[in-house]
Amino acid sequence: MGEASVSGSRTSNSSLVRSNSFREEDNFHRQTSFGGNGSRNTSPLSRMGSRNTSPSRQKSIKTKPRGLDEETVATFSKIVQPDIQMEDNIWAMLPEDLLNEILARIPPFMIFRLRSVCKRWNSILQDNSFLKFHSQVPSHGPCLLTYWKNSQTPQCSVFSLPLKQWFRIPFTFLPQWAFWLVGSSGGLVCFSGLDGLAFKTLVCNPLTQTWRTLPSMHFNQQRQLIMVVDRKNRSFKVIATSDIYGDKSLPTEVYDSKLNKWLLHQTMPAVNLCSSKMAFCDSRLYLETLSPLGLMMYRLDTGHWEHIPAKFPRSLLDGYLVAGTHKRLFLVGRIGLYSTLQSMRIWELDHAKFVWVEVSRMPPRYFRALLRLSAERFECFGQDNLICFTSWNQGKGLLYDVDKKVWSWIAGCALQSYNSQVCFYEPRFDAMIY
């Protein structure tokens, strides 16, 4: 709730101002919420009537950050002007390059609504000038992509963290064998699956509905995969490590989109993996191992594997590696042998000393709401120092901002399906599948 700082000597006046402040804040958020009308005059002065507006009462109202919301500041003395309707001929007289630069800064999901305005805007996605400006603007912000199959029909929902809204994306353009969601990077999404007895991999851009199947690997075996996109070179790579079941020792294969083929690299040394989850950080791929204890690191530039003797924290029940920004690598997992003593903690790897340093703990109220049973399964993944927790049974999503140290629930979470697969996703029209 918002907090109003109002000077006054009497309690009744203070409570009156606070109640009015809450109404002002509520109306302010209604006006600025996505999809609002925006045509009404929402000036606070137009609703105050004869209320005393002396300078002593013209104090600012600050709302506490809710999740990733930025702090919003409104004042009684500031008049909010009504929206001005721009003449149609003004838009018609705008230079094409200027119009494309304006449209390129609009959130990608809003572009689909704007395409119905006119024929010119409907063909905006095929305009090279628009794609050029779109590739130069900063990212719209992280999104969560959930994928599942309902009666063999692919379903996909994307939650925009900046807009705080869910969007449905049709995924019927994918072949039926695309079942496993490998991950997402730079606007592309990677899937794998079995087409008969053949193990296949594909990449797609959900916004442009384009996709292609990658060439077959040297060994027809289900593999642990991870995709990495290099936006500067307009290329991507897919890394295939060990056999998904750990039964066979296979050479590491790397697909290069520039060469359009798989390259054979060093075979990962014989280890006992404790998790199939991988994290790619600073051109290095990390996996957890039990024997030898620590991490296996794969250097993409040299194609060689190395062992890092970073011992895990005591009483770690299940751990997930999460890649952050600026070479930061996190370990997320539950601690405690008994349900009443369990807690969720986050560690960061000290690359110099090869030790895990605790950086945060999940508050108990969030932990009990996310995992009501001690043996309940959860998933964890991250991007740009954001860590997301999802519960298979509860159908909930929890987000943690490492930099801001803020925990927040994901509103209207669409993780109801038991077989939902979730990953972070960056919507981009300029992400190329070739």
Protein backbone atom coordinates (compact mmCIF):
# COMPACT_ATOMS: atom_id res chain seq x y z
CA MET A 1 0.00 0.00 0.00
CA GLY A 2 1.08 3.54 -0.54
CA GLU A 3 2.43 5.59 2.34
CA ALA A 4 1.42 9.25 2.64
CA SER A 5 3.60 11.70 4.52
CA VAL A 6 1.30 14.55 5.62
CA SER A 7 2.01 17.19 8.28
CA GLY A 8 -0.75 17.84 10.80
CA SER A 9 -1.38 17.88 14.47
CA ARG A 10 -4.66 16.02 14.69
CA THR A 11 -5.15 12.31 14.19
CA SER A 12 -8.44 12.76 12.34
CA ASN A 13 -6.86 15.00 9.71
CA SER A 14 -3.93 12.58 9.29
CA SER A 15 -6.21 9.58 8.76
CA LEU A 16 -8.38 11.55 6.32
CA VAL A 17 -5.39 12.49 4.20
CA ARG A 18 -4.12 8.91 4.21
CA SER A 19 -7.46 7.52 3.06
CA ASN A 20 -7.62 10.09 0.30
CA SER A 21 -4.03 9.27 -0.62
CA PHE A 22 -4.95 5.63 -1.11
CA ARG A 23 -7.78 6.63 -3.41
CA GLU A 24 -5.47 8.91 -5.37
CA GLU A 25 -2.93 6.12 -5.76
CA ASP A 26 -5.58 3.65 -6.86
CA ASN A 27 -6.90 6.00 -9.51
CA PHE A 28 -3.38 6.76 -10.65
CA HIS A 29 -2.63 3.07 -11.21
CA ARG A 30 -5.93 2.59 -13.03
CA GLN A 31 -5.01 5.37 -15.44
CA THR A 32 -1.53 4.01 -16.15
CA SER A 33 -2.47 0.31 -16.30
CA PHE A 34 -2.06 -1.53 -19.62
CA GLY A 35 -5.14 -1.38 -21.82
CA GLY A 36 -6.78 1.52 -19.94
CA ASN A 37 -9.11 3.99 -21.59
CA GLY A 38 -6.93 7.04 -21.11
CA SER A 39 -9.56 9.51 -22.34
CA ARG A 40 -10.84 10.75 -18.98
CA ASN A 41 -9.37 13.70 -17.15
CA THR A 42 -7.77 12.08 -14.11
CA SER A 43 -6.34 15.24 -12.62
CA PRO A 44 -6.39 14.97 -8.83
CA LEU A 45 -7.44 18.62 -8.62
CA SER A 46 -10.60 17.90 -10.57
CA ARG A 47 -11.75 15.47 -7.85
CA MET A 48 -10.71 17.27 -4.69
CA GLY A 49 -13.50 19.83 -4.75
CA SER A 50 -13.16 22.33 -1.91
CA ARG A 51 -10.57 20.34 0.01
CA ASN A 52 -7.74 22.34 1.51
CA THR A 53 -4.77 22.23 -0.91
CA SER A 54 -2.36 24.42 0.97
CA PRO A 55 1.37 23.79 0.44
CA SER A 56 1.52 21.95 3.74
CA ARG A 57 -0.74 19.25 2.26
CA GLN A 58 0.94 19.06 -1.15
CA LYS A 59 3.11 16.12 -0.16
CA SER A 60 4.19 13.32 -2.45
CA ILE A 61 2.67 9.86 -2.37
CA LYS A 62 5.09 7.00 -2.89
CA THR A 63 4.07 3.45 -3.57
CA LYS A 64 6.25 0.63 -2.37
CA PRO A 65 7.74 -1.47 -5.20
CA ARG A 66 5.55 -4.47 -5.97
CA GLY A 67 7.82 -7.12 -7.39
CA LEU A 68 9.63 -5.52 -10.31
CA ASP A 69 7.47 -2.37 -10.45
CA GLU A 70 9.45 0.82 -10.39
CA GLU A 71 8.62 3.26 -7.64
CA THR A 72 5.83 5.57 -8.80
CA VAL A 73 5.57 9.13 -7.52
CA ALA A 74 2.47 11.31 -7.82
CA THR A 75 1.76 14.70 -6.24
CA PHE A 76 -1.44 16.52 -5.40
CA SER A 77 -0.08 19.69 -6.97
CA LYS A 78 0.73 18.10 -10.33
CA ILE A 79 -2.12 18.30 -12.84
CA VAL A 80 -2.48 15.28 -15.12
CA GLN A 81 -3.53 16.50 -18.52
CA PRO A 82 -6.04 14.50 -20.57
CA ASP A 83 -4.77 12.59 -23.58
CA ILE A 84 -4.50 14.63 -26.74
CA GLN A 85 -5.93 13.02 -29.84
CA MET A 86 -3.42 13.38 -32.69
CA GLU A 87 -4.81 14.17 -36.11
CA ASP A 88 -4.66 11.35 -38.63
CA ASN A 89 -2.88 13.50 -41.21
CA ILE A 90 -0.01 14.07 -38.74
CA TRP A 91 0.72 10.34 -38.71
CA ALA A 92 0.43 10.27 -42.49
CA MET A 93 3.03 13.03 -42.86
CA LEU A 94 5.62 11.33 -40.63
CA PRO A 95 8.72 10.15 -42.51
CA GLU A 96 8.82 6.40 -42.90
CA ASP A 97 12.11 6.02 -41.03
CA LEU A 98 10.81 8.05 -38.09
CA LEU A 99 7.59 6.02 -37.98
CA ASN A 100 9.56 2.76 -38.03
CA GLU A 101 11.79 3.98 -35.21
CA ILE A 102 8.70 4.84 -33.13
CA LEU A 103 7.07 1.47 -33.78
CA ALA A 104 10.34 -0.36 -33.02
CA ARG A 105 10.20 0.93 -29.44
CA ILE A 106 6.73 -0.45 -28.80
CA PRO A 107 6.58 -3.73 -26.84
CA PRO A 108 6.54 -6.60 -29.36
CA PHE A 109 3.23 -7.99 -28.17
CA MET A 110 1.54 -4.65 -28.88
CA ILE A 111 2.70 -4.68 -32.50
CA PHE A 112 0.15 -7.36 -33.36
CA ARG A 113 -2.68 -5.05 -32.27
CA LEU A 114 -1.26 -2.15 -34.26
CA ARG A 115 -1.03 -4.22 -37.44
CA SER A 116 -4.80 -3.96 -37.83
CA VAL A 117 -4.62 -0.16 -38.14
CA CYS A 118 -3.73 -0.03 -41.83
CA LYS A 119 -2.10 -2.01 -44.64
CA ARG A 120 1.18 -0.22 -44.14
CA TRP A 121 1.42 -1.23 -40.51
CA ASN A 122 0.21 -4.75 -41.29
CA SER A 123 3.32 -5.36 -43.37
CA ILE A 124 5.65 -3.81 -40.78
CA LEU A 125 7.27 -7.14 -39.90
CA GLN A 126 8.55 -7.52 -43.47
CA ASP A 127 10.04 -4.02 -43.48
CA ASN A 128 13.83 -4.17 -43.26
CA SER A 129 13.96 -0.60 -41.91
CA PHE A 130 11.68 -1.54 -39.00
CA LEU A 131 13.72 -4.68 -38.23
CA LYS A 132 16.91 -2.60 -38.31
CA PHE A 133 15.57 -0.13 -35.72
CA HIS A 134 14.08 -2.99 -33.68
CA SER A 135 17.48 -4.70 -33.45
CA GLN A 136 19.06 -1.50 -32.09
CA VAL A 137 16.59 -0.73 -29.31
CA PRO A 138 17.00 -2.30 -25.84
CA SER A 139 15.13 -5.46 -24.99
CA HIS A 140 11.47 -5.16 -24.05
CA GLY A 141 12.29 -7.01 -20.88
CA PRO A 142 12.27 -10.63 -19.67
CA CYS A 143 9.23 -12.82 -20.20
CA LEU A 144 8.25 -16.28 -19.02
CA LEU A 145 7.31 -18.81 -21.69
CA THR A 146 5.21 -21.81 -20.68
CA TYR A 147 4.76 -24.69 -23.13
CA TRP A 148 2.60 -27.78 -22.87
CA LYS A 149 0.54 -30.10 -25.03
CA ASN A 150 -3.20 -30.37 -24.47
CA SER A 151 -4.61 -33.41 -26.32
CA GLN A 152 -1.51 -33.38 -28.53
CA THR A 153 -2.15 -29.73 -29.40
CA PRO A 154 0.79 -27.45 -28.52
CA GLN A 155 -0.14 -24.61 -26.17
CA CYS A 156 2.03 -21.63 -25.30
CA SER A 157 1.53 -18.67 -22.97
CA VAL A 158 4.00 -15.85 -22.42
CA PHE A 159 3.99 -13.65 -19.32
CA SER A 160 5.50 -10.20 -19.86
CA LEU A 161 7.16 -9.04 -16.65
CA PRO A 162 7.21 -5.33 -17.68
CA LEU A 163 3.54 -5.35 -18.76
CA LYS A 164 2.48 -7.90 -16.13
CA GLN A 165 0.16 -9.62 -18.60
CA TRP A 166 -0.22 -13.06 -20.14
CA PHE A 167 -0.29 -13.47 -23.91
CA ARG A 168 -1.26 -16.59 -25.85
CA ILE A 169 0.98 -17.48 -28.79
CA PRO A 170 -0.21 -20.09 -31.31
CA PHE A 171 2.25 -22.96 -31.59
CA THR A 172 0.41 -25.12 -34.09
CA PHE A 173 3.10 -24.35 -36.67
CA LEU A 174 5.50 -26.77 -34.98
CA PRO A 175 5.70 -30.44 -36.00
CA GLN A 176 4.17 -33.03 -33.71
CA TRP A 177 7.52 -34.52 -32.67
CA ALA A 178 8.64 -31.22 -31.03
CA PHE A 179 7.96 -32.19 -27.42
CA TRP A 180 10.84 -31.14 -25.13
CA LEU A 181 11.49 -27.46 -24.56
CA VAL A 182 15.28 -27.12 -24.58
CA GLY A 183 15.40 -23.41 -23.76
CA SER A 184 15.43 -19.93 -25.19
CA SER A 185 18.08 -17.34 -25.99
CA GLY A 186 18.09 -14.06 -27.91
CA GLY A 187 14.48 -14.39 -29.10
CA LEU A 188 14.84 -17.96 -30.39
CA VAL A 189 13.33 -21.06 -28.78
CA CYS A 190 14.79 -24.56 -29.16
CA PHE A 191 12.85 -27.84 -29.07
CA SER A 192 13.83 -31.48 -29.38
CA GLY A 193 11.93 -34.73 -29.77
CA LEU A 194 11.71 -38.16 -31.33
CA ASP A 195 10.40 -38.47 -34.88
CA GLY A 196 9.98 -42.19 -34.93
CA LEU A 197 13.41 -43.45 -33.88
CA ALA A 198 15.27 -40.33 -34.97
CA PHE A 199 16.23 -37.72 -32.36
CA LYS A 200 15.67 -34.27 -33.86
CA THR A 201 16.20 -30.65 -32.86
CA LEU A 202 14.62 -27.45 -34.16
CA VAL A 203 14.80 -23.71 -33.52
CA CYS A 204 11.95 -21.24 -33.99
CA ASN A 205 10.93 -17.63 -33.50
CA PRO A 206 7.49 -17.65 -31.85
CA LEU A 207 6.74 -14.05 -32.88
CA THR A 208 7.38 -14.55 -36.60
CA GLN A 209 6.13 -18.19 -36.55
CA THR A 210 9.24 -19.35 -38.43
CA TRP A 211 11.14 -22.55 -37.67
CA ARG A 212 13.56 -25.05 -39.15
CA THR A 213 14.90 -28.47 -38.25
CA LEU A 214 18.63 -28.71 -37.58
CA PRO A 215 20.75 -31.33 -39.37
CA SER A 216 21.05 -34.70 -37.70
CA MET A 217 23.80 -35.19 -35.14
CA HIS A 218 26.60 -37.67 -35.65
CA PHE A 219 25.10 -39.95 -32.97
CA ASN A 220 21.37 -40.61 -32.99
CA GLN A 221 20.86 -40.47 -29.24
CA GLN A 222 18.80 -38.30 -26.89
CA ARG A 223 21.19 -35.70 -25.53
CA GLN A 224 21.25 -32.91 -22.97
CA LEU A 225 21.00 -29.72 -25.01
CA ILE A 226 21.44 -26.00 -24.46
CA MET A 227 21.18 -23.14 -26.99
CA VAL A 228 23.23 -19.93 -27.02
CA VAL A 229 22.56 -16.94 -29.31
CA ASP A 230 25.19 -14.42 -30.37
CA ARG A 231 23.23 -11.32 -31.45
CA LYS A 232 26.32 -9.41 -32.61
CA ASN A 233 27.31 -12.10 -35.09
CA ARG A 234 23.64 -12.95 -35.79
CA SER A 235 24.31 -16.61 -35.12
CA PHE A 236 23.52 -19.29 -32.56
CA LYS A 237 24.98 -22.54 -31.29
CA VAL A 238 23.42 -25.66 -29.77
CA ILE A 239 25.59 -27.73 -27.43
CA ALA A 240 24.86 -31.45 -27.00
CA THR A 241 26.61 -32.97 -23.99
CA SER A 242 26.17 -36.46 -22.55
CA ASP A 243 23.47 -39.03 -23.14
CA ILE A 244 20.25 -37.95 -21.41
CA TYR A 245 20.16 -41.25 -19.50
CA GLY A 246 23.89 -41.32 -18.77
CA ASP A 247 24.26 -44.80 -20.27
CA LYS A 248 26.68 -43.93 -23.06
CA SER A 249 29.82 -41.84 -23.27
CA LEU A 250 29.41 -39.68 -26.37
CA PRO A 251 31.57 -36.91 -27.83
CA THR A 252 30.34 -33.39 -27.21
CA GLU A 253 28.67 -32.00 -30.34
CA VAL A 254 28.23 -28.30 -31.12
CA TYR A 255 25.95 -27.02 -33.87
CA ASP A 256 27.10 -23.77 -35.52
CA SER A 257 24.43 -21.89 -37.48
CA LYS A 258 27.10 -20.17 -39.59
CA LEU A 259 28.40 -23.54 -40.77
CA ASN A 260 25.02 -25.31 -40.58
CA LYS A 261 26.57 -28.49 -39.22
CA TRP A 262 27.48 -30.29 -36.00
CA LEU A 263 31.12 -30.29 -34.90
CA LEU A 264 32.64 -33.06 -32.77
CA HIS A 265 34.50 -31.96 -29.64
CA GLN A 266 36.05 -33.64 -26.61
CA THR A 267 34.08 -36.32 -24.80
CA MET A 268 33.10 -35.32 -21.28
CA PRO A 269 35.13 -37.31 -18.73
CA ALA A 270 33.32 -40.11 -16.91
CA VAL A 271 31.46 -38.47 -14.05
CA ASN A 272 28.37 -39.10 -11.97
CA LEU A 273 26.01 -36.23 -12.77
CA CYS A 274 23.66 -35.20 -9.97
CA SER A 275 21.38 -33.14 -12.22
CA SER A 276 20.59 -32.81 -15.90
CA LYS A 277 20.23 -29.05 -15.54
CA MET A 278 22.98 -26.94 -17.10
CA ALA A 279 23.93 -23.28 -16.97
CA PHE A 280 25.78 -21.27 -19.61
CA CYS A 281 27.77 -18.37 -18.20
CA ASP A 282 30.61 -16.35 -19.78
CA SER A 283 31.11 -18.74 -22.74
CA ARG A 284 31.30 -21.66 -20.31
CA LEU A 285 28.89 -24.50 -19.69
CA TYR A 286 28.51 -25.85 -16.14
CA LEU A 287 27.09 -29.14 -14.84
CA GLU A 288 26.84 -30.53 -11.28
CA THR A 289 28.68 -33.75 -10.47
CA LEU A 290 28.70 -36.06 -7.48
CA SER A 291 31.78 -38.05 -8.43
CA PRO A 292 34.09 -36.26 -8.51
CA LEU A 293 32.29 -33.75 -6.32
CA GLY A 294 31.95 -30.29 -7.81
CA LEU A 295 31.31 -28.93 -11.29
CA MET A 296 32.22 -29.89 -14.83
CA MET A 297 32.98 -26.88 -17.01
CA TYR A 298 33.00 -26.90 -20.80
CA ARG A 299 34.82 -24.09 -22.63
CA LEU A 300 33.02 -23.26 -25.83
CA ASP A 301 36.04 -21.50 -27.34
CA THR A 302 38.45 -24.42 -26.87
CA GLY A 303 36.01 -27.34 -26.85
CA HIS A 304 37.57 -28.90 -23.70
CA TRP A 305 36.16 -30.01 -20.35
CA GLU A 306 37.57 -29.10 -16.92
CA HIS A 307 36.69 -30.12 -13.37
CA ILE A 308 36.09 -27.44 -10.71
CA PRO A 309 36.39 -28.74 -7.11
CA ALA A 310 33.60 -26.56 -5.71
CA LYS A 311 32.02 -28.56 -2.89
CA PHE A 312 28.29 -28.20 -2.38
CA PRO A 313 26.78 -26.88 0.87
CA ARG A 314 25.96 -29.48 3.51
CA SER A 315 22.49 -31.05 3.59
CA LEU A 316 21.73 -29.85 0.05
CA LEU A 317 18.72 -31.84 -1.12
CA ASP A 318 18.40 -30.63 -4.70
CA GLY A 319 20.39 -27.97 -6.49
CA TYR A 320 19.96 -25.98 -9.68
CA LEU A 321 22.66 -24.01 -11.45
CA VAL A 322 21.52 -20.58 -12.64
CA ALA A 323 23.55 -18.24 -14.84
CA GLY A 324 23.52 -14.54 -14.02
CA THR A 325 25.03 -11.45 -15.61
CA HIS A 326 28.67 -10.35 -15.38
CA LYS A 327 30.02 -13.91 -15.05
CA ARG A 328 27.88 -14.65 -11.98
CA LEU A 329 26.94 -18.29 -11.36
CA PHE A 330 24.31 -19.18 -8.75
CA LEU A 331 23.34 -22.40 -7.00
CA VAL A 332 19.74 -22.68 -5.81
CA GLY A 333 18.46 -25.52 -3.63
CA ARG A 334 16.75 -26.79 -0.51
CA ILE A 335 18.60 -27.30 2.75
CA GLY A 336 17.49 -29.53 5.61
CA LEU A 337 16.73 -33.20 6.15
CA TYR A 338 13.37 -32.67 7.85
CA SER A 339 10.36 -30.84 6.44
CA THR A 340 10.06 -28.50 9.43
CA LEU A 341 13.69 -27.38 9.06
CA GLN A 342 13.86 -27.06 5.30
CA SER A 343 14.61 -23.75 3.61
CA MET A 344 15.42 -22.50 0.11
CA ARG A 345 18.75 -20.77 -0.29
CA ILE A 346 20.82 -19.11 -3.02
CA TRP A 347 24.61 -19.25 -3.25
CA GLU A 348 27.06 -17.59 -5.63
CA LEU A 349 30.27 -19.21 -6.82
CA ASP A 350 33.51 -17.53 -5.84
CA HIS A 351 35.54 -18.25 -8.98
CA ALA A 352 38.83 -17.45 -7.23
CA LYS A 353 38.39 -19.75 -4.20
CA PHE A 354 35.95 -22.26 -5.75
CA VAL A 355 33.53 -22.00 -2.84
CA TRP A 356 29.80 -21.27 -2.68
CA VAL A 357 28.89 -18.09 -0.78
CA GLU A 358 25.30 -17.70 0.46
CA VAL A 359 23.65 -14.54 -0.88
CA SER A 360 19.96 -14.96 0.01
CA ARG A 361 17.27 -17.14 1.59
CA MET A 362 13.65 -17.52 0.59
CA PRO A 363 11.35 -16.10 3.31
CA PRO A 364 9.48 -18.89 5.14
CA ARG A 365 6.03 -17.65 4.07
CA TYR A 366 7.00 -17.93 0.40
CA PHE A 367 8.64 -21.32 0.93
CA ARG A 368 5.57 -22.79 2.66
CA ALA A 369 3.24 -21.44 -0.06
CA LEU A 370 5.42 -22.70 -2.91
CA LEU A 371 6.26 -26.15 -1.51
CA ARG A 372 3.71 -27.46 0.95
CA LEU A 373 5.23 -30.94 1.06
CA SER A 374 8.84 -31.72 1.89
CA ALA A 375 9.23 -33.98 -1.16
CA GLU A 376 7.37 -31.72 -3.57
CA ARG A 377 9.12 -31.08 -6.88
CA PHE A 378 10.02 -27.66 -8.15
CA GLU A 379 11.86 -26.14 -11.10
CA CYS A 380 14.30 -23.27 -11.05
CA PHE A 381 15.84 -21.24 -13.87
CA GLY A 382 17.21 -17.75 -14.33
CA GLN A 383 18.20 -14.92 -16.63
CA ASP A 384 19.81 -11.50 -16.08
CA ASN A 385 20.04 -12.00 -12.29
CA LEU A 386 16.35 -12.96 -12.14
CA ILE A 387 15.56 -16.37 -10.64
CA CYS A 388 12.19 -18.02 -11.17
CA PHE A 389 10.75 -20.85 -9.04
CA THR A 390 7.83 -22.96 -10.24
CA SER A 391 5.98 -25.66 -8.33
CA TRP A 392 4.64 -28.66 -10.22
CA ASN A 393 1.79 -29.43 -7.81
CA GLN A 394 0.82 -25.94 -6.64
CA GLY A 395 0.89 -24.34 -10.09
CA LYS A 396 2.60 -21.23 -8.71
CA GLY A 397 5.45 -19.06 -9.90
CA LEU A 398 7.77 -17.04 -7.68
CA LEU A 399 10.33 -14.51 -8.90
CA TYR A 400 13.44 -13.26 -7.14
CA ASP A 401 15.48 -10.24 -8.23
CA VAL A 402 19.05 -10.81 -7.05
CA ASP A 403 20.08 -7.17 -7.50
CA LYS A 404 17.02 -5.63 -5.80
CA LYS A 405 16.62 -8.52 -3.32
CA VAL A 406 12.88 -8.55 -3.95
CA TRP A 407 10.56 -11.60 -3.91
CA SER A 408 7.26 -11.44 -5.81
CA TRP A 409 4.57 -13.83 -7.00
CA ILE A 410 3.86 -14.05 -10.71
CA ALA A 411 0.34 -12.68 -11.16
CA GLY A 412 -2.20 -14.97 -12.82
CA CYS A 413 0.27 -17.80 -13.14
CA ALA A 414 -0.64 -20.14 -16.00
CA LEU A 415 1.33 -23.13 -14.75
CA GLN A 416 -1.71 -25.31 -14.16
CA SER A 417 -0.74 -28.18 -16.43
CA TYR A 418 1.33 -30.91 -14.82
CA ASN A 419 3.64 -31.25 -17.85
CA SER A 420 4.22 -27.53 -18.37
CA GLN A 421 7.75 -26.61 -19.40
CA VAL A 422 8.90 -23.10 -18.53
CA CYS A 423 11.85 -20.90 -19.46
CA PHE A 424 12.77 -17.24 -19.72
CA TYR A 425 12.10 -15.71 -23.12
CA GLU A 426 13.11 -12.46 -24.83
CA PRO A 427 10.60 -11.53 -27.57
CA ARG A 428 12.39 -10.20 -30.66
CA PHE A 429 11.26 -9.87 -34.28
CA ASP A 430 14.83 -9.67 -35.58
CA ALA A 431 15.91 -13.09 -34.23
CA MET A 432 16.82 -15.14 -37.30
CA ILE A 433 16.60 -18.94 -37.46
CA TYR A 434 19.42 -19.13 -40.08
